[in-house]
Amino acid sequence: MTKQALIEHTVAIMNKLPEDKAAEIARFANLLMESNNKLSQVSDQLQKMRELLTRQLNELNVKRDATHLTEAPTFHIKA
């Protein structure tokens, strides 16, 4: 069933319900959609934070590697 067909089917069923029941179901559906939107926003924010933390960790690793290279012991080979 396509999304459009599902919507049409749902509307047809809602139209057959008593008005108070249809309104109650509509309020619940709106609550679900609002909750889904909020979860989506939180998910997006978490993804952005993850990307930022990954970038910062990579920068720290590069700095650490550079520091270790400069602090590495120097070996002198005598001929």
N, C-alpha and C. Protein backbone atom coordinates (compact mmCIF):
# COMPACT_ATOMS: atom_id res chain seq x y z
N MET A 1 0.86 -1.18 0.00
CA MET A 1 0.00 0.00 0.00
C MET A 1 0.90 1.24 0.00
N THR A 2 0.63 2.14 -0.93
CA THR A 2 1.44 3.36 -1.00
C THR A 2 1.07 4.30 0.14
N LYS A 3 1.92 5.28 0.35
CA LYS A 3 1.67 6.25 1.42
C LYS A 3 0.35 6.97 1.18
N GLN A 4 0.12 7.38 -0.07
CA GLN A 4 -1.12 8.09 -0.39
C GLN A 4 -2.34 7.20 -0.15
N ALA A 5 -2.26 5.94 -0.56
CA ALA A 5 -3.37 5.01 -0.35
C ALA A 5 -3.62 4.79 1.13
N LEU A 6 -2.56 4.72 1.90
CA LEU A 6 -2.70 4.55 3.35
C LEU A 6 -3.39 5.76 3.97
N ILE A 7 -3.01 6.95 3.53
CA ILE A 7 -3.65 8.17 4.04
C ILE A 7 -5.13 8.18 3.69
N GLU A 8 -5.44 7.87 2.44
CA GLU A 8 -6.84 7.86 2.00
C GLU A 8 -7.65 6.83 2.78
N HIS A 9 -7.07 5.66 3.00
CA HIS A 9 -7.75 4.60 3.75
C HIS A 9 -7.99 5.04 5.19
N THR A 10 -7.00 5.67 5.80
CA THR A 10 -7.13 6.15 7.18
C THR A 10 -8.20 7.22 7.28
N VAL A 11 -8.21 8.16 6.34
CA VAL A 11 -9.23 9.23 6.35
C VAL A 11 -10.62 8.63 6.20
N ALA A 12 -10.77 7.64 5.33
CA ALA A 12 -12.07 7.00 5.14
C ALA A 12 -12.55 6.34 6.43
N ILE A 13 -11.65 5.68 7.12
CA ILE A 13 -12.01 5.04 8.40
C ILE A 13 -12.35 6.09 9.44
N MET A 14 -11.55 7.14 9.52
CA MET A 14 -11.80 8.21 10.50
C MET A 14 -13.15 8.87 10.26
N ASN A 15 -13.55 9.02 9.01
CA ASN A 15 -14.83 9.64 8.69
C ASN A 15 -16.01 8.80 9.15
N LYS A 16 -15.81 7.50 9.32
CA LYS A 16 -16.89 6.61 9.76
C LYS A 16 -17.03 6.59 11.28
N LEU A 17 -16.04 7.08 11.98
CA LEU A 17 -16.06 7.06 13.45
C LEU A 17 -16.91 8.21 13.99
N PRO A 18 -17.43 8.03 15.21
CA PRO A 18 -18.09 9.16 15.86
C PRO A 18 -17.07 10.30 16.03
N GLU A 19 -17.56 11.53 16.01
CA GLU A 19 -16.68 12.70 16.01
C GLU A 19 -15.73 12.73 17.20
N ASP A 20 -16.21 12.37 18.39
CA ASP A 20 -15.34 12.42 19.56
C ASP A 20 -14.21 11.39 19.48
N LYS A 21 -14.51 10.23 18.94
CA LYS A 21 -13.47 9.20 18.79
C LYS A 21 -12.46 9.61 17.73
N ALA A 22 -12.95 10.17 16.64
CA ALA A 22 -12.05 10.62 15.57
C ALA A 22 -11.13 11.73 16.09
N ALA A 23 -11.68 12.63 16.89
CA ALA A 23 -10.88 13.72 17.45
C ALA A 23 -9.82 13.18 18.40
N GLU A 24 -10.19 12.18 19.19
CA GLU A 24 -9.24 11.58 20.13
C GLU A 24 -8.10 10.90 19.37
N ILE A 25 -8.45 10.18 18.32
CA ILE A 25 -7.42 9.52 17.51
C ILE A 25 -6.54 10.55 16.82
N ALA A 26 -7.13 11.63 16.33
CA ALA A 26 -6.37 12.68 15.66
C ALA A 26 -5.39 13.34 16.64
N ARG A 27 -5.83 13.58 17.87
CA ARG A 27 -4.93 14.16 18.88
C ARG A 27 -3.76 13.22 19.16
N PHE A 28 -4.07 11.94 19.27
CA PHE A 28 -3.02 10.95 19.52
C PHE A 28 -2.04 10.89 18.34
N ALA A 29 -2.57 10.92 17.13
CA ALA A 29 -1.71 10.91 15.93
C ALA A 29 -0.81 12.14 15.90
N ASN A 30 -1.37 13.30 16.25
CA ASN A 30 -0.56 14.53 16.30
C ASN A 30 0.54 14.42 17.35
N LEU A 31 0.20 13.85 18.50
CA LEU A 31 1.19 13.65 19.55
C LEU A 31 2.32 12.75 19.06
N LEU A 32 1.96 11.68 18.36
CA LEU A 32 2.98 10.78 17.82
C LEU A 32 3.87 11.50 16.81
N MET A 33 3.28 12.31 15.94
CA MET A 33 4.06 13.04 14.94
C MET A 33 4.99 14.06 15.60
N GLU A 34 4.49 14.76 16.62
CA GLU A 34 5.32 15.72 17.35
C GLU A 34 6.49 15.02 18.04
N SER A 35 6.19 13.88 18.65
CA SER A 35 7.25 13.11 19.32
C SER A 35 8.29 12.64 18.31
N ASN A 36 7.82 12.19 17.16
CA ASN A 36 8.73 11.73 16.11
C ASN A 36 9.62 12.88 15.63
N ASN A 37 9.03 14.06 15.46
CA ASN A 37 9.81 15.23 15.03
C ASN A 37 10.87 15.59 16.07
N LYS A 38 10.49 15.56 17.35
CA LYS A 38 11.45 15.87 18.41
C LYS A 38 12.58 14.84 18.44
N LEU A 39 12.23 13.57 18.29
CA LEU A 39 13.25 12.53 18.27
C LEU A 39 14.18 12.70 17.08
N SER A 40 13.63 13.09 15.96
CA SER A 40 14.44 13.33 14.77
C SER A 40 15.41 14.48 15.00
N GLN A 41 14.94 15.54 15.65
CA GLN A 41 15.81 16.68 15.95
C GLN A 41 16.93 16.27 16.90
N VAL A 42 16.59 15.50 17.92
CA VAL A 42 17.60 15.03 18.88
C VAL A 42 18.61 14.14 18.16
N SER A 43 18.12 13.28 17.30
CA SER A 43 19.00 12.40 16.54
C SER A 43 19.96 13.22 15.67
N ASP A 44 19.44 14.24 15.02
CA ASP A 44 20.29 15.12 14.19
C ASP A 44 21.35 15.81 15.04
N GLN A 45 20.94 16.30 16.21
CA GLN A 45 21.89 16.97 17.10
C GLN A 45 22.97 16.01 17.59
N LEU A 46 22.57 14.79 17.92
CA LEU A 46 23.54 13.79 18.37
C LEU A 46 24.52 13.46 17.25
N GLN A 47 24.03 13.37 16.03
CA GLN A 47 24.91 13.08 14.89
C GLN A 47 25.92 14.21 14.70
N LYS A 48 25.47 15.46 14.82
CA LYS A 48 26.38 16.60 14.69
C LYS A 48 27.43 16.58 15.80
N MET A 49 27.00 16.26 17.02
CA MET A 49 27.94 16.18 18.14
C MET A 49 28.96 15.07 17.90
N ARG A 50 28.50 13.94 17.40
CA ARG A 50 29.38 12.82 17.12
C ARG A 50 30.42 13.22 16.07
N GLU A 51 29.97 13.90 15.02
CA GLU A 51 30.90 14.34 13.98
C GLU A 51 31.93 15.32 14.55
N LEU A 52 31.47 16.24 15.38
CA LEU A 52 32.38 17.21 15.99
C LEU A 52 33.40 16.51 16.89
N LEU A 53 32.93 15.59 17.72
CA LEU A 53 33.83 14.87 18.62
C LEU A 53 34.83 14.02 17.83
N THR A 54 34.38 13.41 16.76
CA THR A 54 35.28 12.62 15.93
C THR A 54 36.36 13.50 15.32
N ARG A 55 35.95 14.67 14.82
CA ARG A 55 36.90 15.61 14.23
C ARG A 55 37.93 16.07 15.28
N GLN A 56 37.43 16.39 16.48
CA GLN A 56 38.34 16.85 17.54
C GLN A 56 39.29 15.73 17.97
N LEU A 57 38.77 14.52 18.06
CA LEU A 57 39.62 13.39 18.43
C LEU A 57 40.70 13.15 17.38
N ASN A 58 40.32 13.27 16.12
CA ASN A 58 41.31 13.11 15.05
C ASN A 58 42.39 14.18 15.14
N GLU A 59 41.99 15.42 15.43
CA GLU A 59 42.97 16.50 15.59
C GLU A 59 43.91 16.23 16.76
N LEU A 60 43.35 15.74 17.87
CA LEU A 60 44.19 15.41 19.02
C LEU A 60 45.16 14.29 18.70
N ASN A 61 44.70 13.31 17.95
CA ASN A 61 45.57 12.20 17.57
C ASN A 61 46.71 12.68 16.68
N VAL A 62 46.41 13.59 15.77
CA VAL A 62 47.46 14.14 14.90
C VAL A 62 48.47 14.90 15.75
N LYS A 63 47.99 15.73 16.68
CA LYS A 63 48.90 16.48 17.55
C LYS A 63 49.74 15.54 18.41
N ARG A 64 49.11 14.50 18.93
CA ARG A 64 49.83 13.53 19.76
C ARG A 64 50.91 12.83 18.94
N ASP A 65 50.55 12.42 17.73
CA ASP A 65 51.53 11.75 16.87
C ASP A 65 52.69 12.69 16.54
N ALA A 66 52.40 13.95 16.27
CA ALA A 66 53.45 14.92 15.96
C ALA A 66 54.35 15.13 17.18
N THR A 67 53.76 15.18 18.36
CA THR A 67 54.53 15.35 19.59
C THR A 67 55.43 14.15 19.83
N HIS A 68 54.90 12.96 19.61
CA HIS A 68 55.71 11.76 19.81
C HIS A 68 56.87 11.71 18.83
N LEU A 69 56.65 12.19 17.62
CA LEU A 69 57.74 12.20 16.64
C LEU A 69 58.84 13.17 17.04
N THR A 70 58.47 14.31 17.59
CA THR A 70 59.49 15.30 17.98
C THR A 70 60.20 14.89 19.25
N GLU A 71 59.54 14.07 20.07
CA GLU A 71 60.15 13.64 21.33
C GLU A 71 60.87 12.30 21.20
N ALA A 72 60.86 11.74 20.02
CA ALA A 72 61.48 10.43 19.82
C ALA A 72 62.99 10.53 20.02
N PRO A 73 63.58 9.51 20.57
CA PRO A 73 65.03 9.55 20.78
C PRO A 73 65.78 9.58 19.44
N THR A 74 66.92 10.22 19.46
CA THR A 74 67.75 10.31 18.26
C THR A 74 68.88 9.30 18.39
N PHE A 75 69.06 8.50 17.37
CA PHE A 75 70.12 7.50 17.37
C PHE A 75 71.24 7.98 16.46
N HIS A 76 72.45 7.92 16.96
CA HIS A 76 73.61 8.31 16.16
C HIS A 76 74.39 7.05 15.82
N ILE A 77 74.64 6.89 14.56
CA ILE A 77 75.40 5.72 14.12
C ILE A 77 76.83 6.16 13.86
N LYS A 78 77.76 5.49 14.52
CA LYS A 78 79.18 5.82 14.34
C LYS A 78 79.73 4.98 13.20
N ALA A 79 80.44 5.65 12.35
CA ALA A 79 81.01 4.95 11.21
C ALA A 79 82.36 4.37 11.52
